[in-house]
N, C-alpha and C. Protein backbone atom coordinates (compact mmCIF):
# COMPACT_ATOMS: atom_id res chain seq x y z
N MET A 1 58.62 -41.98 0.26
CA MET A 1 57.40 -41.36 0.72
C MET A 1 57.70 -40.42 1.88
N SER A 2 57.06 -39.28 1.83
CA SER A 2 57.22 -38.31 2.90
C SER A 2 55.90 -38.19 3.66
N VAL A 3 55.94 -38.54 4.93
CA VAL A 3 54.74 -38.43 5.76
C VAL A 3 54.30 -36.97 5.84
N GLN A 4 55.26 -36.06 5.89
CA GLN A 4 54.92 -34.63 5.93
C GLN A 4 54.19 -34.21 4.66
N ALA A 5 54.64 -34.72 3.51
CA ALA A 5 54.01 -34.37 2.25
C ALA A 5 52.58 -34.91 2.19
N ILE A 6 52.37 -36.11 2.66
CA ILE A 6 51.02 -36.68 2.65
C ILE A 6 50.12 -35.91 3.61
N SER A 7 50.60 -35.56 4.79
CA SER A 7 49.81 -34.76 5.74
C SER A 7 49.44 -33.41 5.12
N TRP A 8 50.41 -32.80 4.43
CA TRP A 8 50.15 -31.52 3.76
C TRP A 8 49.09 -31.70 2.68
N ALA A 9 49.21 -32.74 1.86
CA ALA A 9 48.26 -32.98 0.78
C ALA A 9 46.85 -33.23 1.31
N LEU A 10 46.75 -33.95 2.42
CA LEU A 10 45.44 -34.22 3.01
C LEU A 10 44.75 -32.94 3.48
N SER A 11 45.52 -31.99 3.97
CA SER A 11 44.92 -30.75 4.49
C SER A 11 44.84 -29.64 3.45
N TYR A 12 45.47 -29.82 2.28
CA TYR A 12 45.48 -28.76 1.27
C TYR A 12 44.10 -28.64 0.62
N PRO A 13 43.53 -27.42 0.55
CA PRO A 13 42.21 -27.25 -0.07
C PRO A 13 42.30 -27.35 -1.59
N VAL A 14 41.48 -28.20 -2.17
CA VAL A 14 41.45 -28.38 -3.63
C VAL A 14 40.01 -28.22 -4.11
N GLU A 15 39.84 -28.20 -5.43
CA GLU A 15 38.52 -27.96 -6.00
C GLU A 15 37.74 -29.23 -6.30
N SER A 16 38.41 -30.39 -6.34
CA SER A 16 37.69 -31.62 -6.68
C SER A 16 38.38 -32.83 -6.06
N SER A 17 37.67 -33.93 -6.05
CA SER A 17 38.25 -35.17 -5.54
C SER A 17 39.37 -35.66 -6.45
N THR A 18 39.29 -35.36 -7.74
CA THR A 18 40.37 -35.74 -8.66
C THR A 18 41.64 -34.99 -8.33
N GLU A 19 41.53 -33.70 -8.05
CA GLU A 19 42.71 -32.93 -7.66
C GLU A 19 43.31 -33.49 -6.37
N LYS A 20 42.45 -33.86 -5.42
CA LYS A 20 42.95 -34.42 -4.16
C LYS A 20 43.68 -35.73 -4.43
N ALA A 21 43.12 -36.58 -5.30
CA ALA A 21 43.75 -37.86 -5.61
C ALA A 21 45.11 -37.65 -6.26
N VAL A 22 45.21 -36.74 -7.21
CA VAL A 22 46.49 -36.47 -7.88
C VAL A 22 47.49 -35.91 -6.87
N LEU A 23 47.05 -35.00 -6.03
CA LEU A 23 47.96 -34.42 -5.02
C LEU A 23 48.47 -35.49 -4.06
N LEU A 24 47.61 -36.40 -3.65
CA LEU A 24 48.03 -37.48 -2.75
C LEU A 24 49.01 -38.44 -3.43
N VAL A 25 48.79 -38.71 -4.71
CA VAL A 25 49.74 -39.56 -5.45
C VAL A 25 51.11 -38.87 -5.50
N LEU A 26 51.12 -37.59 -5.82
CA LEU A 26 52.40 -36.86 -5.85
C LEU A 26 53.07 -36.88 -4.49
N ALA A 27 52.30 -36.66 -3.43
CA ALA A 27 52.85 -36.66 -2.08
C ALA A 27 53.42 -38.03 -1.71
N ASN A 28 52.76 -39.07 -2.18
CA ASN A 28 53.23 -40.42 -1.89
C ASN A 28 54.59 -40.69 -2.55
N TYR A 29 54.81 -40.11 -3.72
CA TYR A 29 56.09 -40.27 -4.42
C TYR A 29 57.18 -39.34 -3.89
N ALA A 30 56.79 -38.26 -3.22
CA ALA A 30 57.74 -37.21 -2.84
C ALA A 30 58.77 -37.69 -1.82
N ASP A 31 59.98 -37.17 -1.99
CA ASP A 31 61.02 -37.44 -1.01
C ASP A 31 60.94 -36.39 0.10
N GLY A 32 61.92 -36.36 0.98
CA GLY A 32 61.92 -35.44 2.10
C GLY A 32 61.95 -33.98 1.71
N ASP A 33 62.38 -33.70 0.48
CA ASP A 33 62.41 -32.32 -0.02
C ASP A 33 61.18 -31.98 -0.85
N GLY A 34 60.24 -32.91 -0.94
CA GLY A 34 59.03 -32.68 -1.71
C GLY A 34 59.19 -32.88 -3.20
N GLU A 35 60.28 -33.53 -3.61
CA GLU A 35 60.55 -33.74 -5.03
C GLU A 35 60.20 -35.16 -5.45
N CYS A 36 59.65 -35.29 -6.66
CA CYS A 36 59.30 -36.62 -7.17
C CYS A 36 59.36 -36.62 -8.70
N PHE A 37 59.32 -37.82 -9.27
CA PHE A 37 59.48 -37.98 -10.71
C PHE A 37 58.48 -38.96 -11.32
N PRO A 38 57.23 -39.00 -10.87
CA PRO A 38 56.30 -39.99 -11.42
C PRO A 38 55.86 -39.62 -12.84
N GLY A 39 55.65 -40.62 -13.66
CA GLY A 39 55.12 -40.40 -15.00
C GLY A 39 53.63 -40.12 -14.94
N GLN A 40 53.13 -39.44 -15.94
CA GLN A 40 51.71 -39.10 -15.96
C GLN A 40 50.82 -40.34 -16.03
N GLU A 41 51.27 -41.37 -16.72
CA GLU A 41 50.49 -42.61 -16.77
C GLU A 41 50.37 -43.25 -15.39
N SER A 42 51.46 -43.24 -14.63
CA SER A 42 51.44 -43.80 -13.27
C SER A 42 50.51 -42.99 -12.37
N ILE A 43 50.59 -41.67 -12.49
CA ILE A 43 49.72 -40.82 -11.68
C ILE A 43 48.26 -41.11 -12.03
N ALA A 44 47.97 -41.18 -13.32
CA ALA A 44 46.59 -41.42 -13.77
C ALA A 44 46.06 -42.75 -13.25
N GLN A 45 46.87 -43.77 -13.34
CA GLN A 45 46.43 -45.09 -12.89
C GLN A 45 46.14 -45.07 -11.39
N GLN A 46 47.03 -44.48 -10.61
CA GLN A 46 46.86 -44.48 -9.16
C GLN A 46 45.77 -43.52 -8.68
N ALA A 47 45.51 -42.46 -9.46
CA ALA A 47 44.47 -41.50 -9.09
C ALA A 47 43.13 -41.83 -9.73
N ALA A 48 43.08 -42.92 -10.49
CA ALA A 48 41.85 -43.39 -11.14
C ALA A 48 41.25 -42.33 -12.06
N CYS A 49 42.11 -41.78 -12.94
CA CYS A 49 41.65 -40.79 -13.91
C CYS A 49 42.46 -40.97 -15.20
N SER A 50 42.20 -40.15 -16.18
CA SER A 50 42.89 -40.26 -17.47
C SER A 50 44.20 -39.47 -17.48
N ASP A 51 45.06 -39.79 -18.43
CA ASP A 51 46.30 -39.03 -18.61
C ASP A 51 45.99 -37.56 -18.88
N ARG A 52 44.96 -37.33 -19.67
CA ARG A 52 44.58 -35.96 -20.01
C ARG A 52 44.16 -35.18 -18.75
N THR A 53 43.43 -35.84 -17.88
CA THR A 53 43.02 -35.20 -16.62
C THR A 53 44.24 -34.87 -15.77
N VAL A 54 45.19 -35.80 -15.72
CA VAL A 54 46.43 -35.54 -14.97
C VAL A 54 47.14 -34.31 -15.52
N ARG A 55 47.25 -34.21 -16.84
CA ARG A 55 47.91 -33.04 -17.44
C ARG A 55 47.18 -31.75 -17.05
N ARG A 56 45.85 -31.79 -17.09
CA ARG A 56 45.06 -30.60 -16.74
C ARG A 56 45.27 -30.22 -15.28
N VAL A 57 45.24 -31.20 -14.38
CA VAL A 57 45.41 -30.94 -12.96
C VAL A 57 46.83 -30.42 -12.68
N LEU A 58 47.84 -31.02 -13.29
CA LEU A 58 49.21 -30.55 -13.08
C LEU A 58 49.39 -29.12 -13.56
N GLU A 59 48.79 -28.79 -14.71
CA GLU A 59 48.86 -27.41 -15.21
C GLU A 59 48.18 -26.45 -14.24
N ALA A 60 47.02 -26.85 -13.70
CA ALA A 60 46.31 -26.00 -12.73
C ALA A 60 47.13 -25.83 -11.46
N PHE A 61 47.70 -26.92 -10.95
CA PHE A 61 48.53 -26.84 -9.75
C PHE A 61 49.73 -25.92 -9.97
N GLU A 62 50.34 -26.04 -11.14
CA GLU A 62 51.50 -25.21 -11.43
C GLU A 62 51.10 -23.73 -11.50
N ALA A 63 49.97 -23.43 -12.13
CA ALA A 63 49.49 -22.05 -12.24
C ALA A 63 49.16 -21.45 -10.87
N LYS A 64 48.68 -22.29 -9.95
CA LYS A 64 48.32 -21.84 -8.59
C LYS A 64 49.51 -21.81 -7.64
N GLY A 65 50.67 -22.31 -8.08
CA GLY A 65 51.84 -22.33 -7.21
C GLY A 65 51.86 -23.48 -6.22
N VAL A 66 51.09 -24.53 -6.50
CA VAL A 66 51.07 -25.71 -5.63
C VAL A 66 52.28 -26.58 -5.90
N ILE A 67 52.68 -26.65 -7.18
CA ILE A 67 53.85 -27.44 -7.59
C ILE A 67 54.71 -26.62 -8.54
N ALA A 68 55.93 -27.06 -8.71
CA ALA A 68 56.82 -26.54 -9.75
C ALA A 68 57.29 -27.75 -10.54
N ARG A 69 57.33 -27.60 -11.87
CA ARG A 69 57.79 -28.71 -12.72
C ARG A 69 58.99 -28.29 -13.52
N GLN A 70 59.87 -29.26 -13.74
CA GLN A 70 61.04 -29.03 -14.59
C GLN A 70 61.13 -30.19 -15.57
N GLU A 71 61.16 -29.87 -16.84
CA GLU A 71 61.27 -30.89 -17.88
C GLU A 71 62.61 -31.60 -17.77
N ARG A 72 62.58 -32.91 -17.96
CA ARG A 72 63.82 -33.69 -17.93
C ARG A 72 63.97 -34.43 -19.26
N ARG A 73 65.22 -34.61 -19.68
CA ARG A 73 65.52 -35.32 -20.92
C ARG A 73 66.56 -36.39 -20.67
N ARG A 74 66.46 -37.45 -21.47
CA ARG A 74 67.46 -38.52 -21.42
C ARG A 74 68.69 -38.07 -22.21
N ARG A 75 69.74 -38.85 -22.14
CA ARG A 75 70.97 -38.51 -22.88
C ARG A 75 70.75 -38.43 -24.38
N ASP A 76 69.81 -39.25 -24.88
CA ASP A 76 69.55 -39.24 -26.33
C ASP A 76 68.61 -38.10 -26.74
N GLY A 77 68.18 -37.26 -25.78
CA GLY A 77 67.34 -36.11 -26.07
C GLY A 77 65.85 -36.35 -25.91
N SER A 78 65.44 -37.60 -25.74
CA SER A 78 64.02 -37.89 -25.58
C SER A 78 63.57 -37.47 -24.19
N ARG A 79 62.28 -37.17 -24.08
CA ARG A 79 61.73 -36.74 -22.79
C ARG A 79 61.52 -37.91 -21.85
N THR A 80 61.66 -37.62 -20.59
CA THR A 80 61.30 -38.55 -19.53
C THR A 80 60.37 -37.80 -18.59
N SER A 81 59.98 -38.40 -17.51
CA SER A 81 59.03 -37.73 -16.60
C SER A 81 59.62 -36.44 -16.05
N ASP A 82 58.74 -35.46 -15.84
CA ASP A 82 59.16 -34.18 -15.29
C ASP A 82 59.55 -34.35 -13.82
N ALA A 83 60.44 -33.49 -13.37
CA ALA A 83 60.70 -33.37 -11.94
C ALA A 83 59.60 -32.47 -11.38
N ILE A 84 58.94 -32.94 -10.34
CA ILE A 84 57.84 -32.18 -9.72
C ILE A 84 58.22 -31.91 -8.27
N VAL A 85 58.10 -30.66 -7.87
CA VAL A 85 58.37 -30.28 -6.48
C VAL A 85 57.09 -29.74 -5.86
N LEU A 86 56.72 -30.31 -4.73
CA LEU A 86 55.57 -29.80 -3.97
C LEU A 86 56.00 -28.53 -3.25
N LEU A 87 55.27 -27.48 -3.43
CA LEU A 87 55.63 -26.20 -2.82
C LEU A 87 54.82 -25.98 -1.56
N ALA A 88 55.08 -26.81 -0.57
CA ALA A 88 54.33 -26.75 0.70
C ALA A 88 54.80 -25.58 1.53
């Protein structure tokens, strides 16, 4: 957890309480460089919303330049959680 990331998320202007909840969950997972790897199901559970809502919010954040995502794959080629970087 990065205290700086959480402070940034608390002060970042968002459009809804759901966006704020998702941003705070990401900040809670973030390391000192603002990078984290939470799964969408975990984010949804902790932000009290659906997986679909998480996908929508992450897409909106990425389009606005709030986060950057990089797809990650396991050795067998299957997908795992994306790497997410907070662009504070």
